[in-house]
Amino acid sequence: MQKPQIVSPEGELTRPAHGLGPIVDGRTRFLVLGTFPALESLDEGFYYRNQIKRFWGQALKAVGEFELLDNDARRKLLLENKIGLWDIFGCVERNNGNQDDRIRKAKYNDIHGLLEKSTSIQYLIFNGRNAYDWLKEDRLDPFQREMLRTRRLQSSSGSNGWFNHGVDWFEFFSHVGFKRVR
């Protein structure tokens, strides 16, 4: 998939859509990075609202029961488990739809700045190939930091026909110490 045109400053976007702020605190150990929120997520002001079953119900199954929770309870359970959420892009210009190929222009979030402030983050977990590949191509700093591990997992996007019901997510979180039984 072709990467969108990367812009800076935001003024280069004609019809900018702004993303959501990071969900992190001083204890965050794992930062899950997607590409950019879906329209449903932007409307509700919370991540993965279009992926209740895939992201909340399957990808994070090893961590806890997120699927039936409201946004406040999800945020609380994420932070209790030292998991944060954000996206690589903070602002985009896209055509109708949620898929990454609809993004025409994008401005990166300040991931470097967040990592400087949130020194407890030990893992960057990428929700899919595009977030991983595009950030790595343009912003090597997160990938070169000592004591920071990166992991690309299968995209929980509804357009990913190869999604394996969160098996790789379950295996990763189990490997790093989550003991939830499937």
N, C-alpha and C. Protein backbone atom coordinates (compact mmCIF):
# COMPACT_ATOMS: atom_id res chain seq x y z
N MET A 1 0.84 -1.17 0.00
CA MET A 1 0.00 0.00 0.00
C MET A 1 0.90 1.24 0.00
N GLN A 2 0.50 2.22 -0.77
CA GLN A 2 1.28 3.44 -0.86
C GLN A 2 1.09 4.32 0.37
N LYS A 3 2.20 4.79 0.90
CA LYS A 3 2.18 5.67 2.06
C LYS A 3 1.62 7.03 1.64
N PRO A 4 0.84 7.67 2.52
CA PRO A 4 0.35 9.01 2.20
C PRO A 4 1.49 10.03 2.13
N GLN A 5 1.21 11.15 1.52
CA GLN A 5 2.18 12.24 1.51
C GLN A 5 2.29 12.79 2.93
N ILE A 6 3.51 12.85 3.43
CA ILE A 6 3.75 13.34 4.80
C ILE A 6 3.97 14.85 4.72
N VAL A 7 3.24 15.56 5.57
CA VAL A 7 3.31 17.02 5.57
C VAL A 7 3.72 17.55 6.94
N SER A 8 4.26 18.75 6.90
CA SER A 8 4.54 19.50 8.11
C SER A 8 4.77 20.92 7.63
N PRO A 9 4.06 21.84 8.04
CA PRO A 9 3.08 21.85 9.13
C PRO A 9 1.71 21.38 8.66
N GLU A 10 0.81 21.34 9.63
CA GLU A 10 -0.57 20.92 9.39
C GLU A 10 -1.26 21.80 8.35
N GLY A 11 -0.81 23.03 8.19
CA GLY A 11 -1.41 23.96 7.24
C GLY A 11 -1.39 23.45 5.81
N GLU A 12 -0.61 22.43 5.54
CA GLU A 12 -0.57 21.85 4.20
C GLU A 12 -1.75 20.92 3.93
N LEU A 13 -2.58 20.71 4.93
CA LEU A 13 -3.78 19.89 4.75
C LEU A 13 -4.97 20.81 4.46
N THR A 14 -5.71 20.51 3.41
CA THR A 14 -6.85 21.35 3.05
C THR A 14 -8.05 21.10 3.96
N ARG A 15 -8.35 19.84 4.20
CA ARG A 15 -9.48 19.45 5.07
C ARG A 15 -8.96 18.52 6.16
N PRO A 16 -8.28 19.08 7.16
CA PRO A 16 -7.66 18.20 8.17
C PRO A 16 -8.68 17.53 9.10
N ALA A 17 -8.44 16.28 9.35
CA ALA A 17 -9.16 15.55 10.40
C ALA A 17 -8.15 15.31 11.50
N HIS A 18 -8.48 15.71 12.72
CA HIS A 18 -7.57 15.57 13.85
C HIS A 18 -7.86 14.29 14.61
N GLY A 19 -6.79 13.62 15.02
CA GLY A 19 -6.92 12.36 15.74
C GLY A 19 -7.21 12.58 17.22
N LEU A 20 -7.00 11.54 17.98
CA LEU A 20 -7.25 11.54 19.41
C LEU A 20 -5.93 11.65 20.16
N GLY A 21 -5.99 12.16 21.37
CA GLY A 21 -4.79 12.24 22.19
C GLY A 21 -4.39 10.87 22.71
N PRO A 22 -3.16 10.77 23.18
CA PRO A 22 -2.69 9.48 23.70
C PRO A 22 -3.38 9.12 25.01
N ILE A 23 -3.57 7.83 25.20
CA ILE A 23 -3.99 7.30 26.50
C ILE A 23 -2.74 6.70 27.12
N VAL A 24 -2.14 7.42 28.04
CA VAL A 24 -0.92 6.98 28.73
C VAL A 24 -0.93 7.60 30.12
N ASP A 25 -0.16 7.01 31.01
CA ASP A 25 0.12 7.63 32.29
C ASP A 25 1.55 7.27 32.67
N GLY A 26 1.96 7.62 33.84
CA GLY A 26 3.34 7.40 34.27
C GLY A 26 3.74 5.96 34.45
N ARG A 27 2.78 5.04 34.37
CA ARG A 27 3.08 3.61 34.52
C ARG A 27 3.00 2.85 33.20
N THR A 28 2.63 3.52 32.11
CA THR A 28 2.43 2.84 30.83
C THR A 28 3.70 2.13 30.39
N ARG A 29 3.57 0.85 30.14
CA ARG A 29 4.70 0.02 29.73
C ARG A 29 4.59 -0.38 28.25
N PHE A 30 3.35 -0.53 27.77
CA PHE A 30 3.08 -0.96 26.40
C PHE A 30 2.30 0.14 25.69
N LEU A 31 2.79 0.60 24.55
CA LEU A 31 2.07 1.60 23.77
C LEU A 31 1.65 0.99 22.45
N VAL A 32 0.35 0.82 22.26
CA VAL A 32 -0.20 0.30 21.01
C VAL A 32 -0.39 1.47 20.06
N LEU A 33 0.21 1.36 18.89
CA LEU A 33 0.13 2.42 17.89
C LEU A 33 -0.62 1.93 16.65
N GLY A 34 -1.70 2.61 16.33
CA GLY A 34 -2.41 2.37 15.09
C GLY A 34 -2.00 3.43 14.08
N THR A 35 -2.75 3.51 12.99
CA THR A 35 -2.45 4.50 11.96
C THR A 35 -3.18 5.81 12.25
N PHE A 36 -4.52 5.75 12.27
CA PHE A 36 -5.36 6.92 12.52
C PHE A 36 -6.75 6.42 12.88
N PRO A 37 -7.45 7.11 13.78
CA PRO A 37 -8.77 6.62 14.21
C PRO A 37 -9.80 6.58 13.08
N ALA A 38 -10.68 5.61 13.18
CA ALA A 38 -11.81 5.51 12.26
C ALA A 38 -12.80 6.63 12.54
N LEU A 39 -13.66 6.88 11.59
CA LEU A 39 -14.67 7.93 11.74
C LEU A 39 -15.52 7.71 12.99
N GLU A 40 -15.90 6.46 13.26
CA GLU A 40 -16.70 6.16 14.46
C GLU A 40 -15.95 6.52 15.74
N SER A 41 -14.66 6.27 15.74
CA SER A 41 -13.84 6.60 16.91
C SER A 41 -13.73 8.11 17.09
N LEU A 42 -13.55 8.83 16.01
CA LEU A 42 -13.48 10.28 16.10
C LEU A 42 -14.81 10.85 16.60
N ASP A 43 -15.92 10.31 16.09
CA ASP A 43 -17.24 10.78 16.52
C ASP A 43 -17.46 10.57 18.01
N GLU A 44 -16.99 9.44 18.53
CA GLU A 44 -17.20 9.11 19.95
C GLU A 44 -16.05 9.55 20.85
N GLY A 45 -14.94 9.98 20.24
CA GLY A 45 -13.82 10.46 21.03
C GLY A 45 -13.06 9.37 21.77
N PHE A 46 -13.08 8.14 21.22
CA PHE A 46 -12.36 7.05 21.86
C PHE A 46 -11.92 6.03 20.81
N TYR A 47 -10.81 5.38 21.10
CA TYR A 47 -10.18 4.48 20.14
C TYR A 47 -10.98 3.19 19.86
N TYR A 48 -10.85 2.72 18.63
CA TYR A 48 -11.34 1.42 18.17
C TYR A 48 -12.84 1.21 18.40
N ARG A 49 -13.62 2.25 18.21
CA ARG A 49 -15.07 2.14 18.35
C ARG A 49 -15.68 1.35 17.21
N ASN A 50 -15.00 1.23 16.10
CA ASN A 50 -15.48 0.43 14.98
C ASN A 50 -14.96 -1.01 15.05
N GLN A 51 -14.22 -1.33 16.11
CA GLN A 51 -13.62 -2.65 16.22
C GLN A 51 -13.90 -3.26 17.59
N ILE A 52 -15.14 -3.17 18.03
CA ILE A 52 -15.49 -3.68 19.35
C ILE A 52 -15.10 -5.15 19.47
N LYS A 53 -15.49 -5.95 18.48
CA LYS A 53 -15.20 -7.38 18.56
C LYS A 53 -13.72 -7.68 18.30
N ARG A 54 -13.16 -7.14 17.24
CA ARG A 54 -11.79 -7.48 16.86
C ARG A 54 -10.74 -6.94 17.84
N PHE A 55 -10.75 -5.64 18.09
CA PHE A 55 -9.70 -5.09 18.95
C PHE A 55 -10.00 -5.36 20.41
N TRP A 56 -11.15 -4.88 20.87
CA TRP A 56 -11.47 -4.99 22.30
C TRP A 56 -11.80 -6.43 22.71
N GLY A 57 -12.43 -7.18 21.84
CA GLY A 57 -12.85 -8.53 22.20
C GLY A 57 -11.84 -9.61 21.90
N GLN A 58 -11.03 -9.43 20.86
CA GLN A 58 -10.10 -10.49 20.46
C GLN A 58 -8.64 -10.12 20.67
N ALA A 59 -8.21 -8.95 20.18
CA ALA A 59 -6.79 -8.59 20.27
C ALA A 59 -6.33 -8.45 21.73
N LEU A 60 -7.17 -7.91 22.59
CA LEU A 60 -6.77 -7.72 23.98
C LEU A 60 -7.32 -8.79 24.93
N LYS A 61 -7.72 -9.91 24.39
CA LYS A 61 -8.31 -10.99 25.18
C LYS A 61 -7.37 -11.48 26.29
N ALA A 62 -6.08 -11.49 26.03
CA ALA A 62 -5.11 -11.97 27.04
C ALA A 62 -5.01 -11.02 28.22
N VAL A 63 -5.44 -9.78 28.03
CA VAL A 63 -5.31 -8.76 29.06
C VAL A 63 -6.54 -8.70 29.95
N GLY A 64 -7.72 -8.75 29.35
CA GLY A 64 -8.95 -8.63 30.13
C GLY A 64 -10.19 -8.64 29.27
N GLU A 65 -11.32 -8.51 29.92
CA GLU A 65 -12.62 -8.49 29.23
C GLU A 65 -12.99 -7.04 28.93
N PHE A 66 -12.64 -6.58 27.75
CA PHE A 66 -12.87 -5.19 27.34
C PHE A 66 -14.16 -5.01 26.53
N GLU A 67 -14.60 -6.06 25.87
CA GLU A 67 -15.63 -5.95 24.84
C GLU A 67 -16.91 -5.28 25.34
N LEU A 68 -17.38 -5.60 26.50
CA LEU A 68 -18.66 -5.08 26.98
C LEU A 68 -18.54 -3.83 27.84
N LEU A 69 -17.34 -3.31 28.00
CA LEU A 69 -17.12 -2.14 28.85
C LEU A 69 -17.43 -0.84 28.11
N ASP A 70 -17.73 0.21 28.86
CA ASP A 70 -17.86 1.53 28.24
C ASP A 70 -16.45 2.14 28.13
N ASN A 71 -16.36 3.29 27.47
CA ASN A 71 -15.05 3.90 27.21
C ASN A 71 -14.27 4.21 28.48
N ASP A 72 -14.93 4.73 29.50
CA ASP A 72 -14.23 5.06 30.75
C ASP A 72 -13.66 3.82 31.41
N ALA A 73 -14.43 2.75 31.42
CA ALA A 73 -13.96 1.50 32.01
C ALA A 73 -12.82 0.90 31.18
N ARG A 74 -12.90 1.02 29.87
CA ARG A 74 -11.80 0.53 29.02
C ARG A 74 -10.52 1.30 29.31
N ARG A 75 -10.63 2.62 29.38
CA ARG A 75 -9.46 3.44 29.67
C ARG A 75 -8.84 3.03 31.01
N LYS A 76 -9.68 2.86 32.01
CA LYS A 76 -9.20 2.49 33.34
C LYS A 76 -8.51 1.12 33.31
N LEU A 77 -9.12 0.13 32.66
CA LEU A 77 -8.53 -1.21 32.59
C LEU A 77 -7.24 -1.20 31.78
N LEU A 78 -7.19 -0.43 30.69
CA LEU A 78 -5.94 -0.30 29.93
C LEU A 78 -4.82 0.20 30.83
N LEU A 79 -5.07 1.32 31.50
CA LEU A 79 -4.02 1.94 32.31
C LEU A 79 -3.65 1.08 33.51
N GLU A 80 -4.63 0.37 34.10
CA GLU A 80 -4.31 -0.55 35.19
C GLU A 80 -3.35 -1.64 34.73
N ASN A 81 -3.46 -2.00 33.45
CA ASN A 81 -2.61 -3.04 32.88
C ASN A 81 -1.37 -2.47 32.17
N LYS A 82 -1.14 -1.16 32.39
CA LYS A 82 0.04 -0.48 31.85
C LYS A 82 0.08 -0.45 30.33
N ILE A 83 -1.10 -0.37 29.71
CA ILE A 83 -1.22 -0.32 28.25
C ILE A 83 -1.74 1.05 27.85
N GLY A 84 -1.09 1.63 26.86
CA GLY A 84 -1.52 2.91 26.30
C GLY A 84 -1.91 2.75 24.85
N LEU A 85 -2.62 3.75 24.34
CA LEU A 85 -3.05 3.76 22.94
C LEU A 85 -2.73 5.11 22.33
N TRP A 86 -2.35 5.07 21.06
CA TRP A 86 -2.18 6.28 20.28
C TRP A 86 -2.09 5.87 18.82
N ASP A 87 -1.86 6.85 17.95
CA ASP A 87 -1.72 6.59 16.51
C ASP A 87 -0.48 7.28 16.00
N ILE A 88 0.06 6.79 14.89
CA ILE A 88 1.26 7.43 14.34
C ILE A 88 0.92 8.79 13.73
N PHE A 89 -0.29 8.94 13.19
CA PHE A 89 -0.68 10.21 12.60
C PHE A 89 -1.59 10.98 13.54
N GLY A 90 -1.33 12.27 13.66
CA GLY A 90 -2.14 13.13 14.50
C GLY A 90 -3.17 13.90 13.72
N CYS A 91 -2.95 14.02 12.42
CA CYS A 91 -3.83 14.81 11.58
C CYS A 91 -3.70 14.27 10.15
N VAL A 92 -4.82 14.08 9.49
CA VAL A 92 -4.79 13.55 8.12
C VAL A 92 -5.80 14.27 7.25
N GLU A 93 -5.60 14.07 5.98
CA GLU A 93 -6.61 14.42 4.98
C GLU A 93 -6.93 13.11 4.27
N ARG A 94 -8.18 12.71 4.34
CA ARG A 94 -8.51 11.43 3.71
C ARG A 94 -9.84 11.52 2.98
N ASN A 95 -9.97 10.62 2.02
CA ASN A 95 -11.24 10.47 1.33
C ASN A 95 -12.19 9.72 2.23
N ASN A 96 -13.42 9.58 1.83
CA ASN A 96 -14.41 8.85 2.65
C ASN A 96 -13.92 7.45 2.97
N GLY A 97 -14.17 7.03 4.19
CA GLY A 97 -13.80 5.69 4.60
C GLY A 97 -12.73 5.70 5.67
N ASN A 98 -12.52 4.54 6.26
CA ASN A 98 -11.58 4.39 7.36
C ASN A 98 -10.26 3.74 6.97
N GLN A 99 -10.20 3.11 5.82
CA GLN A 99 -9.02 2.35 5.45
C GLN A 99 -7.82 3.27 5.25
N ASP A 100 -6.65 2.71 5.53
CA ASP A 100 -5.41 3.47 5.39
C ASP A 100 -5.20 3.99 3.97
N ASP A 101 -5.68 3.26 2.97
CA ASP A 101 -5.48 3.73 1.60
C ASP A 101 -6.33 4.95 1.27
N ARG A 102 -7.21 5.35 2.15
CA ARG A 102 -8.01 6.58 1.97
C ARG A 102 -7.27 7.83 2.46
N ILE A 103 -6.18 7.63 3.20
CA ILE A 103 -5.40 8.75 3.71
C ILE A 103 -4.52 9.27 2.58
N ARG A 104 -4.70 10.52 2.21
CA ARG A 104 -3.92 11.13 1.12
C ARG A 104 -2.71 11.90 1.63
N LYS A 105 -2.90 12.63 2.72
CA LYS A 105 -1.82 13.40 3.34
C LYS A 105 -1.92 13.19 4.85
N ALA A 106 -0.77 13.25 5.51
CA ALA A 106 -0.77 13.02 6.95
C ALA A 106 0.38 13.74 7.63
N LYS A 107 0.15 14.10 8.88
CA LYS A 107 1.18 14.69 9.73
C LYS A 107 1.38 13.74 10.91
N TYR A 108 2.62 13.40 11.19
CA TYR A 108 2.92 12.47 12.27
C TYR A 108 2.64 13.08 13.64
N ASN A 109 2.24 12.24 14.57
CA ASN A 109 2.21 12.62 15.98
C ASN A 109 3.64 12.72 16.48
N ASP A 110 3.85 13.42 17.57
CA ASP A 110 5.17 13.57 18.17
C ASP A 110 5.46 12.37 19.09
N ILE A 111 5.74 11.24 18.47
CA ILE A 111 6.00 10.01 19.24
C ILE A 111 7.32 10.16 20.00
N HIS A 112 8.29 10.80 19.39
CA HIS A 112 9.56 11.04 20.07
C HIS A 112 9.33 11.82 21.37
N GLY A 113 8.54 12.88 21.30
CA GLY A 113 8.25 13.68 22.48
C GLY A 113 7.52 12.90 23.56
N LEU A 114 6.57 12.05 23.14
CA LEU A 114 5.84 11.23 24.11
C LEU A 114 6.79 10.26 24.80
N LEU A 115 7.69 9.65 24.04
CA LEU A 115 8.64 8.70 24.63
C LEU A 115 9.62 9.40 25.57
N GLU A 116 9.95 10.64 25.28
CA GLU A 116 10.83 11.41 26.17
C GLU A 116 10.14 11.66 27.52
N LYS A 117 8.84 11.94 27.48
CA LYS A 117 8.08 12.22 28.71
C LYS A 117 7.66 10.95 29.43
N SER A 118 7.33 9.92 28.69
CA SER A 118 6.80 8.67 29.25
C SER A 118 7.89 7.62 29.24
N THR A 119 8.82 7.75 30.15
CA THR A 119 10.01 6.89 30.16
C THR A 119 9.72 5.46 30.61
N SER A 120 8.52 5.19 31.10
CA SER A 120 8.18 3.83 31.51
C SER A 120 7.82 2.93 30.32
N ILE A 121 7.61 3.52 29.14
CA ILE A 121 7.23 2.72 27.95
C ILE A 121 8.41 1.86 27.52
N GLN A 122 8.16 0.56 27.47
CA GLN A 122 9.19 -0.41 27.09
C GLN A 122 8.90 -1.07 25.75
N TYR A 123 7.64 -1.04 25.32
CA TYR A 123 7.23 -1.71 24.08
C TYR A 123 6.39 -0.79 23.23
N LEU A 124 6.70 -0.73 21.94
CA LEU A 124 5.80 -0.15 20.96
C LEU A 124 5.19 -1.32 20.21
N ILE A 125 3.88 -1.42 20.29
CA ILE A 125 3.16 -2.51 19.63
C ILE A 125 2.37 -1.89 18.49
N PHE A 126 2.67 -2.30 17.28
CA PHE A 126 2.02 -1.72 16.11
C PHE A 126 0.83 -2.57 15.69
N ASN A 127 -0.30 -1.92 15.58
CA ASN A 127 -1.53 -2.57 15.14
C ASN A 127 -1.54 -2.56 13.61
N GLY A 128 -0.74 -3.44 13.05
CA GLY A 128 -0.70 -3.60 11.60
C GLY A 128 0.59 -3.14 10.95
N ARG A 129 0.73 -3.57 9.72
CA ARG A 129 1.94 -3.33 8.93
C ARG A 129 2.12 -1.87 8.56
N ASN A 130 1.04 -1.18 8.16
CA ASN A 130 1.20 0.19 7.69
C ASN A 130 1.77 1.10 8.78
N ALA A 131 1.21 1.04 9.97
CA ALA A 131 1.71 1.88 11.07
C ALA A 131 3.20 1.60 11.30
N TYR A 132 3.57 0.35 11.31
CA TYR A 132 4.96 -0.04 11.54
C TYR A 132 5.87 0.43 10.41
N ASP A 133 5.53 0.06 9.18
CA ASP A 133 6.39 0.37 8.03
C ASP A 133 6.53 1.87 7.81
N TRP A 134 5.43 2.59 7.86
CA TRP A 134 5.49 4.02 7.57
C TRP A 134 6.28 4.78 8.62
N LEU A 135 6.08 4.46 9.89
CA LEU A 135 6.83 5.15 10.93
C LEU A 135 8.31 4.80 10.83
N LYS A 136 8.60 3.55 10.59
CA LYS A 136 10.01 3.12 10.51
C LYS A 136 10.71 3.78 9.32
N GLU A 137 9.99 3.97 8.25
CA GLU A 137 10.57 4.60 7.06
C GLU A 137 10.95 6.06 7.32
N ASP A 138 10.15 6.76 8.08
CA ASP A 138 10.34 8.20 8.26
C ASP A 138 10.89 8.62 9.62
N ARG A 139 10.68 7.84 10.64
CA ARG A 139 11.06 8.23 12.00
C ARG A 139 11.78 7.07 12.68
N LEU A 140 13.07 6.96 12.45
CA LEU A 140 13.82 5.83 12.98
C LEU A 140 14.04 5.89 14.49
N ASP A 141 13.95 7.07 15.10
CA ASP A 141 14.28 7.21 16.51
C ASP A 141 13.63 6.16 17.41
N PRO A 142 12.32 5.92 17.33
CA PRO A 142 11.74 4.91 18.24
C PRO A 142 12.32 3.51 18.05
N PHE A 143 12.78 3.21 16.85
CA PHE A 143 13.29 1.88 16.56
C PHE A 143 14.75 1.71 16.98
N GLN A 144 15.41 2.82 17.28
CA GLN A 144 16.83 2.76 17.63
C GLN A 144 17.08 3.01 19.11
N ARG A 145 16.04 3.20 19.89
CA ARG A 145 16.21 3.47 21.32
C ARG A 145 16.59 2.19 22.06
N GLU A 146 17.59 2.32 22.91
CA GLU A 146 17.93 1.20 23.78
C GLU A 146 16.77 0.98 24.74
N MET A 147 16.55 -0.23 25.12
CA MET A 147 15.53 -0.60 26.11
C MET A 147 14.09 -0.38 25.60
N LEU A 148 13.90 -0.14 24.32
CA LEU A 148 12.56 -0.02 23.76
C LEU A 148 12.42 -1.09 22.69
N ARG A 149 11.47 -1.97 22.90
CA ARG A 149 11.24 -3.06 21.96
C ARG A 149 10.05 -2.72 21.07
N THR A 150 10.10 -3.17 19.84
CA THR A 150 8.98 -2.96 18.93
C THR A 150 8.44 -4.30 18.48
N ARG A 151 7.14 -4.31 18.23
CA ARG A 151 6.49 -5.54 17.78
C ARG A 151 5.32 -5.17 16.87
N ARG A 152 5.30 -5.74 15.68
CA ARG A 152 4.18 -5.53 14.76
C ARG A 152 3.27 -6.75 14.85
N LEU A 153 2.00 -6.48 15.16
CA LEU A 153 1.00 -7.54 15.24
C LEU A 153 -0.01 -7.35 14.11
N GLN A 154 -0.82 -8.38 13.90
CA GLN A 154 -1.81 -8.29 12.82
C GLN A 154 -2.77 -7.14 13.06
N SER A 155 -3.08 -6.44 12.00
CA SER A 155 -4.04 -5.35 12.08
C SER A 155 -5.41 -5.89 12.46
N SER A 156 -6.03 -5.21 13.42
CA SER A 156 -7.39 -5.61 13.82
C SER A 156 -8.44 -4.95 12.95
N SER A 157 -8.02 -4.25 11.91
CA SER A 157 -8.95 -3.58 11.01
C SER A 157 -9.92 -4.56 10.36
N GLY A 158 -11.14 -4.11 10.18
CA GLY A 158 -12.14 -4.94 9.52
C GLY A 158 -11.79 -5.24 8.07
N SER A 159 -10.91 -4.43 7.48
CA SER A 159 -10.51 -4.68 6.09
C SER A 159 -9.38 -5.72 6.00
N ASN A 160 -8.88 -6.20 7.13
CA ASN A 160 -7.84 -7.22 7.13
C ASN A 160 -8.50 -8.59 7.10
N GLY A 161 -8.59 -9.16 5.93
CA GLY A 161 -9.21 -10.47 5.76
C GLY A 161 -8.40 -11.61 6.35
N TRP A 162 -7.16 -11.35 6.73
CA TRP A 162 -6.28 -12.38 7.28
C TRP A 162 -6.21 -12.34 8.80
N PHE A 163 -7.02 -11.49 9.42
CA PHE A 163 -6.99 -11.37 10.88
C PHE A 163 -7.23 -12.74 11.51
N ASN A 164 -6.39 -13.12 12.46
CA ASN A 164 -6.43 -14.47 13.02
C ASN A 164 -7.12 -14.52 14.39
N HIS A 165 -8.13 -13.68 14.57
CA HIS A 165 -8.91 -13.64 15.81
C HIS A 165 -8.06 -13.26 17.03
N GLY A 166 -6.97 -12.54 16.78
CA GLY A 166 -6.15 -12.05 17.87
C GLY A 166 -5.16 -13.04 18.43
N VAL A 167 -4.90 -14.13 17.71
CA VAL A 167 -3.98 -15.16 18.22
C VAL A 167 -2.60 -14.58 18.48
N ASP A 168 -2.05 -13.82 17.53
CA ASP A 168 -0.71 -13.26 17.73
C ASP A 168 -0.70 -12.23 18.86
N TRP A 169 -1.79 -11.47 19.04
CA TRP A 169 -1.91 -10.54 20.15
C TRP A 169 -1.91 -11.32 21.48
N PHE A 170 -2.69 -12.38 21.53
CA PHE A 170 -2.78 -13.21 22.73
C PHE A 170 -1.41 -13.79 23.08
N GLU A 171 -0.72 -14.30 22.06
CA GLU A 171 0.60 -14.89 22.30
C GLU A 171 1.59 -13.83 22.79
N PHE A 172 1.56 -12.64 22.20
CA PHE A 172 2.47 -11.58 22.65
C PHE A 172 2.21 -11.22 24.10
N PHE A 173 0.96 -10.90 24.43
CA PHE A 173 0.66 -10.47 25.79
C PHE A 173 0.89 -11.60 26.80
N SER A 174 0.66 -12.83 26.41
CA SER A 174 0.97 -13.96 27.30
C SER A 174 2.48 -14.06 27.51
N HIS A 175 3.23 -13.87 26.45
CA HIS A 175 4.70 -13.95 26.52
C HIS A 175 5.29 -12.90 27.46
N VAL A 176 4.67 -11.71 27.52
CA VAL A 176 5.23 -10.65 28.37
C VAL A 176 4.61 -10.64 29.77
N GLY A 177 3.86 -11.70 30.10
CA GLY A 177 3.46 -11.86 31.49
C GLY A 177 2.00 -11.79 31.83
N PHE A 178 1.12 -11.53 30.86
CA PHE A 178 -0.31 -11.56 31.16
C PHE A 178 -0.75 -13.01 31.23
N LYS A 179 -1.47 -13.37 32.28
CA LYS A 179 -1.79 -14.79 32.56
C LYS A 179 -3.23 -15.17 32.31
N ARG A 180 -3.95 -14.35 31.61
CA ARG A 180 -5.38 -14.60 31.38
C ARG A 180 -5.56 -15.89 30.57
N VAL A 181 -6.51 -16.70 30.96
CA VAL A 181 -6.80 -17.96 30.27
C VAL A 181 -7.79 -17.69 29.15
N ARG A 182 -7.54 -18.23 28.01
CA ARG A 182 -8.39 -18.04 26.82
C ARG A 182 -9.63 -18.85 26.93
